[in-house]
Protein backbone atom coordinates (compact mmCIF):
# COMPACT_ATOMS: atom_id res chain seq x y z
CA MET A 1 -103.49 -102.61 -90.30
CA GLU A 2 -103.88 -103.15 -86.55
CA ASN A 3 -102.06 -101.42 -83.71
CA ILE A 4 -101.49 -103.89 -80.91
CA GLU A 5 -99.87 -104.16 -77.53
CA GLU A 6 -97.72 -107.04 -76.31
CA SER A 7 -99.80 -110.19 -76.24
CA GLY A 8 -97.28 -112.92 -75.56
CA GLY A 9 -95.51 -115.29 -77.93
CA PRO A 10 -93.41 -117.85 -75.99
CA GLY A 11 -91.40 -120.38 -77.92
CA VAL A 12 -91.20 -118.38 -81.14
CA ARG A 13 -88.17 -119.42 -83.23
CA VAL A 14 -86.76 -116.36 -84.93
CA THR A 15 -83.72 -115.73 -87.09
CA GLY A 16 -82.65 -112.12 -87.26
CA VAL A 17 -81.50 -110.90 -90.67
CA LEU A 18 -79.35 -107.78 -90.51
CA LEU A 19 -79.13 -106.08 -93.91
CA ALA A 20 -75.67 -104.51 -94.03
CA ALA A 21 -74.58 -104.71 -97.66
CA GLY A 22 -74.95 -101.09 -98.81
CA ALA A 23 -72.07 -98.80 -99.74
CA GLY A 24 -73.43 -95.76 -97.88
CA THR A 25 -73.16 -93.64 -101.00
CA ARG A 26 -75.52 -90.88 -99.84
CA LEU A 27 -73.68 -90.50 -96.55
CA GLY A 28 -70.30 -90.62 -98.24
CA LEU A 29 -68.40 -92.33 -95.41
CA GLY A 30 -68.13 -95.84 -96.80
CA PRO A 31 -70.26 -98.81 -95.75
CA LYS A 32 -72.56 -97.90 -92.87
CA ALA A 33 -71.77 -101.26 -91.32
CA LEU A 34 -68.39 -99.80 -90.33
CA LEU A 35 -69.65 -96.60 -88.72
CA PRO A 36 -68.21 -96.38 -85.20
CA TYR A 37 -70.81 -96.87 -82.47
CA ARG A 38 -69.95 -97.18 -78.80
CA GLY A 39 -66.39 -98.12 -79.68
CA ARG A 40 -67.28 -100.87 -82.14
CA PRO A 41 -68.49 -101.14 -85.75
CA LEU A 42 -72.22 -100.49 -85.96
CA VAL A 43 -72.95 -103.86 -87.58
CA GLU A 44 -71.39 -105.68 -84.63
CA VAL A 45 -73.39 -103.75 -82.04
CA LEU A 46 -76.72 -104.25 -83.83
CA ALA A 47 -76.12 -107.97 -84.36
CA GLY A 48 -75.56 -108.26 -80.62
CA LYS A 49 -78.81 -106.44 -79.89
CA LEU A 50 -80.75 -108.85 -82.10
CA LEU A 51 -79.30 -111.81 -80.23
CA LYS A 52 -79.89 -110.23 -76.83
CA GLY A 53 -83.48 -109.46 -77.80
CA GLY A 54 -84.31 -113.10 -78.45
CA CYS A 55 -83.26 -114.05 -81.98
CA ARG A 56 -81.82 -117.55 -81.77
CA GLU A 57 -79.53 -116.82 -84.71
CA VAL A 58 -78.50 -113.75 -86.69
CA VAL A 59 -77.67 -113.73 -90.38
CA VAL A 60 -75.61 -110.68 -91.37
CA VAL A 61 -75.74 -109.87 -95.07
CA VAL A 62 -72.72 -107.85 -96.20
CA GLY A 63 -71.73 -106.64 -99.64
CA ALA A 64 -69.85 -103.39 -100.22
CA GLY A 65 -66.50 -103.56 -98.47
CA ALA A 66 -67.30 -107.09 -97.33
CA SER A 67 -63.73 -108.04 -96.50
CA GLU A 68 -63.20 -104.85 -94.49
CA VAL A 69 -66.44 -105.34 -92.59
CA GLN A 70 -65.62 -108.93 -91.71
CA ALA A 71 -62.09 -107.97 -90.63
CA ALA A 72 -63.23 -105.07 -88.42
CA ALA A 73 -66.37 -106.49 -86.80
CA ALA A 74 -66.51 -109.37 -84.33
CA LEU A 75 -69.28 -111.44 -85.89
CA ALA A 76 -68.29 -114.95 -84.86
CA CYS A 77 -71.65 -115.34 -83.13
CA CYS A 78 -73.47 -114.76 -86.44
CA ARG A 79 -73.74 -116.31 -89.86
CA VAL A 80 -72.15 -113.85 -92.25
CA VAL A 81 -73.04 -114.10 -95.94
CA VAL A 82 -71.72 -111.96 -98.77
CA ASN A 83 -74.13 -110.62 -101.36
CA PRO A 84 -72.20 -110.31 -104.64
CA GLU A 85 -75.20 -108.51 -106.16
CA TRP A 86 -75.53 -105.85 -103.45
CA GLN A 87 -75.51 -103.08 -106.08
CA SER A 88 -78.82 -104.37 -107.47
CA GLY A 89 -80.62 -103.08 -104.38
CA MET A 90 -81.71 -104.18 -100.94
CA GLY A 91 -84.05 -106.78 -102.38
CA SER A 92 -81.17 -109.12 -103.26
CA SER A 93 -79.86 -108.92 -99.69
CA PHE A 94 -83.35 -109.60 -98.35
CA LEU A 95 -83.62 -112.72 -100.52
CA LEU A 96 -80.15 -113.95 -99.58
CA GLY A 97 -80.94 -113.54 -95.90
CA ASN A 98 -84.25 -115.35 -96.35
CA ASN A 99 -82.57 -118.23 -98.20
CA THR A 100 -79.81 -118.51 -95.59
CA ALA A 101 -82.07 -118.58 -92.53
CA ASP A 102 -83.50 -121.84 -91.19
CA PRO A 103 -86.59 -122.50 -93.32
CA GLU A 104 -88.67 -123.24 -90.22
CA ASP A 105 -87.95 -119.92 -88.51
CA HIS A 106 -89.76 -116.61 -88.54
CA LEU A 107 -87.61 -113.77 -89.92
CA LEU A 108 -86.87 -110.53 -88.14
CA ILE A 109 -85.53 -108.02 -90.68
CA ALA A 110 -83.37 -105.17 -89.38
CA LEU A 111 -81.31 -102.46 -91.07
CA VAL A 112 -77.72 -101.67 -90.21
CA ASP A 113 -78.21 -97.91 -90.37
CA GLN A 114 -80.68 -97.72 -87.47
CA PRO A 115 -78.61 -97.48 -84.27
CA GLY A 116 -81.77 -96.85 -82.22
CA LEU A 117 -82.59 -100.56 -82.32
CA THR A 118 -82.79 -101.99 -78.80
CA PRO A 119 -83.14 -105.53 -77.43
CA GLU A 120 -86.45 -104.43 -75.92
CA ILE A 121 -87.83 -103.61 -79.39
CA VAL A 122 -86.93 -107.12 -80.52
CA ARG A 123 -88.48 -108.68 -77.41
CA ARG A 124 -91.61 -106.61 -77.86
CA LEU A 125 -92.11 -107.75 -81.46
CA LEU A 126 -91.55 -111.39 -80.56
CA ALA A 127 -94.02 -111.15 -77.68
CA ALA A 128 -96.69 -109.46 -79.80
CA HIS A 129 -96.44 -111.73 -82.81
CA HIS A 130 -99.40 -113.85 -83.92
CA PRO A 131 -99.20 -116.86 -86.27
CA GLY A 132 -99.66 -116.12 -89.96
CA ARG A 133 -99.06 -112.39 -89.58
CA ILE A 134 -96.37 -109.73 -89.92
CA THR A 135 -95.40 -107.70 -86.87
CA ALA A 136 -93.70 -104.35 -87.43
CA ALA A 137 -92.17 -101.77 -85.13
CA ALA A 138 -93.80 -98.36 -85.47
CA TYR A 139 -92.67 -94.97 -84.23
CA ARG A 140 -94.34 -91.64 -83.50
CA GLY A 141 -92.90 -88.32 -84.52
CA PRO A 142 -93.67 -84.95 -86.14
CA GLU A 143 -94.80 -85.12 -89.74
CA SER A 144 -92.42 -83.50 -92.20
CA ASP A 145 -93.52 -81.46 -95.21
CA GLY A 146 -93.17 -84.54 -97.38
CA GLY A 147 -95.62 -86.52 -95.29
CA GLN A 148 -92.94 -88.75 -93.78
CA LEU A 149 -91.43 -88.65 -90.35
CA GLY A 150 -88.05 -87.02 -90.53
CA GLY A 151 -85.43 -89.75 -90.83
CA LEU A 152 -87.80 -92.69 -91.03
CA PRO A 153 -87.63 -94.95 -94.08
CA ASP A 154 -89.45 -93.48 -97.06
CA ALA A 155 -91.26 -95.23 -99.89
CA GLY A 156 -87.93 -96.46 -101.28
CA SER A 157 -87.21 -98.53 -98.17
CA PRO A 158 -88.25 -102.17 -97.75
CA LEU A 159 -91.25 -101.03 -95.77
CA GLY A 160 -92.51 -97.65 -96.84
CA GLY A 161 -94.73 -95.66 -94.48
CA SER A 162 -97.98 -96.15 -92.65
CA PRO A 163 -100.72 -93.52 -93.00
CA ASP A 164 -102.02 -93.63 -89.41
CA THR A 165 -101.89 -90.28 -87.61
CA HIS A 166 -101.87 -89.96 -83.82
CA SER A 167 -100.55 -87.59 -81.21
CA PRO A 168 -97.89 -88.76 -78.73
CA ASP A 169 -100.59 -89.55 -76.14
CA GLY A 170 -102.33 -91.86 -78.61
CA SER A 171 -105.11 -89.52 -79.72
CA ALA A 172 -105.57 -88.43 -83.30
CA GLY A 173 -104.70 -84.89 -84.20
CA HIS A 174 -101.97 -82.34 -83.55
CA ASP A 175 -99.51 -81.40 -80.85
CA GLY A 176 -101.23 -78.41 -79.30
CA ASN A 177 -97.99 -76.95 -77.98
CA ARG A 178 -96.17 -76.82 -81.27
CA GLY A 179 -98.88 -77.08 -83.90
CA GLN A 180 -97.31 -80.18 -85.41
CA SER A 181 -99.16 -83.28 -86.47
CA TRP A 182 -97.89 -86.61 -85.16
CA GLU A 183 -97.96 -89.88 -87.01
CA LEU A 184 -97.40 -93.51 -86.19
CA ARG A 185 -95.20 -94.80 -88.99
CA ARG A 186 -94.28 -98.38 -89.68
CA GLY A 187 -90.53 -98.97 -89.60
CA HIS A 188 -87.99 -101.63 -88.71
CA PRO A 189 -87.51 -104.25 -87.41
CA LEU A 190 -90.11 -106.28 -89.25
CA LEU A 191 -91.06 -109.78 -88.07
CA ILE A 192 -92.29 -112.01 -90.89
CA ASP A 193 -94.11 -115.20 -89.93
CA GLY A 194 -92.48 -118.34 -91.28
CA SER A 195 -95.65 -119.26 -93.12
CA LEU A 196 -95.44 -116.02 -95.12
CA ARG A 197 -91.77 -116.09 -96.05
CA ALA A 198 -92.25 -117.62 -99.50
CA SER A 199 -95.11 -115.28 -100.35
CA VAL A 200 -93.15 -112.22 -99.29
CA ALA A 201 -90.01 -113.37 -101.14
CA ALA A 202 -92.01 -113.85 -104.35
CA THR A 203 -92.77 -110.11 -104.40
CA VAL A 204 -89.25 -108.85 -103.68
CA THR A 205 -87.53 -106.95 -106.47
CA GLY A 206 -84.87 -104.28 -106.80
CA ASP A 207 -84.74 -102.09 -103.71
CA ALA A 208 -88.33 -102.76 -102.64
CA GLY A 209 -87.81 -105.57 -100.15
CA ALA A 210 -91.08 -106.49 -98.43
CA ARG A 211 -92.79 -103.22 -99.33
CA ILE A 212 -94.88 -104.59 -102.20
CA PHE A 213 -96.27 -107.43 -100.09
CA LEU A 214 -97.07 -105.09 -97.20
CA ARG A 215 -98.95 -102.67 -99.42
CA THR A 216 -100.87 -105.51 -101.03
CA HIS A 217 -101.77 -107.18 -97.74
CA PRO A 218 -102.17 -104.49 -95.07
CA GLU A 219 -104.71 -106.69 -93.30
CA LEU A 220 -101.88 -109.04 -92.30
CA VAL A 221 -99.74 -106.38 -90.63
CA ASP A 222 -99.74 -105.62 -86.91
CA GLU A 223 -97.91 -102.51 -85.72
CA VAL A 224 -96.29 -102.30 -82.29
CA ASP A 225 -95.54 -98.81 -80.97
CA CYS A 226 -91.86 -98.67 -80.00
CA SER A 227 -91.59 -94.90 -79.69
CA ASP A 228 -90.48 -95.15 -76.07
CA GLN A 229 -87.41 -97.04 -77.26
CA SER A 230 -86.33 -95.20 -80.39
CA SER A 231 -87.26 -92.60 -82.97
CA GLY A 232 -86.86 -95.26 -85.67
CA GLU A 233 -84.60 -92.99 -87.69
CA ASP A 234 -81.91 -94.23 -90.03
CA ILE A 235 -78.63 -92.58 -90.97
CA ASP A 236 -78.65 -91.13 -94.47
CA THR A 237 -77.15 -87.67 -94.08
CA PRO A 238 -74.25 -86.17 -92.08
CA ASP A 239 -76.62 -84.44 -89.65
CA GLN A 240 -78.09 -87.83 -88.72
CA LEU A 241 -74.70 -88.99 -87.44
CA ARG A 242 -76.00 -87.56 -84.14
CA LEU A 243 -77.82 -90.89 -83.79
CA LEU A 244 -74.45 -92.52 -83.10
CA ARG A 245 -73.81 -90.45 -79.97
């Protein structure tokens, strides 16, 4: 795994795939796609950020409450597809998004429960991307007792975590003021080179998404630090609704 800075990538054709099919069972407020964010459904706002960041097209994969999501959110600028097998796990939504996107495009995978996504994060990944590789946003934060950054996707997410440990200033070690260790953890979005789409898709199963491929081929993954843009947290519990403020 390599940590890189922006290196330029003009002319990259990218389709954003926004995974928004879950029922939000853990949160208990219905589909997260419909969470209110800045006066609009969260799915609508995030789809707009993907387009503004440089994705030439956005595929929104819905599932639970699909009719309600499509009625509430203004998604005319996107391709909306319904995953009838959304209960089988995120992997089926990943595959549907992959199959819907233009076969010549790179894929940028984003999750609907991460309101911290910004157009700048998308631009940064597109600029840093190299042919034949995977480019992932990464975020710094205090390590929790479980070895994961609080709120970042855990091993059950499409990505899992990255083991690299650094302080906020980029040096390895601990935060001397608070005694906490800091880690750079891989998160979302994830930019998959078009040449790797078939190989990644062949490993997708259940709720794993791209995680199996990433763990098998860490040498193909470049991480781009986006900590100045977002914490990379997702919304799983009521206390994380603060991310919508």
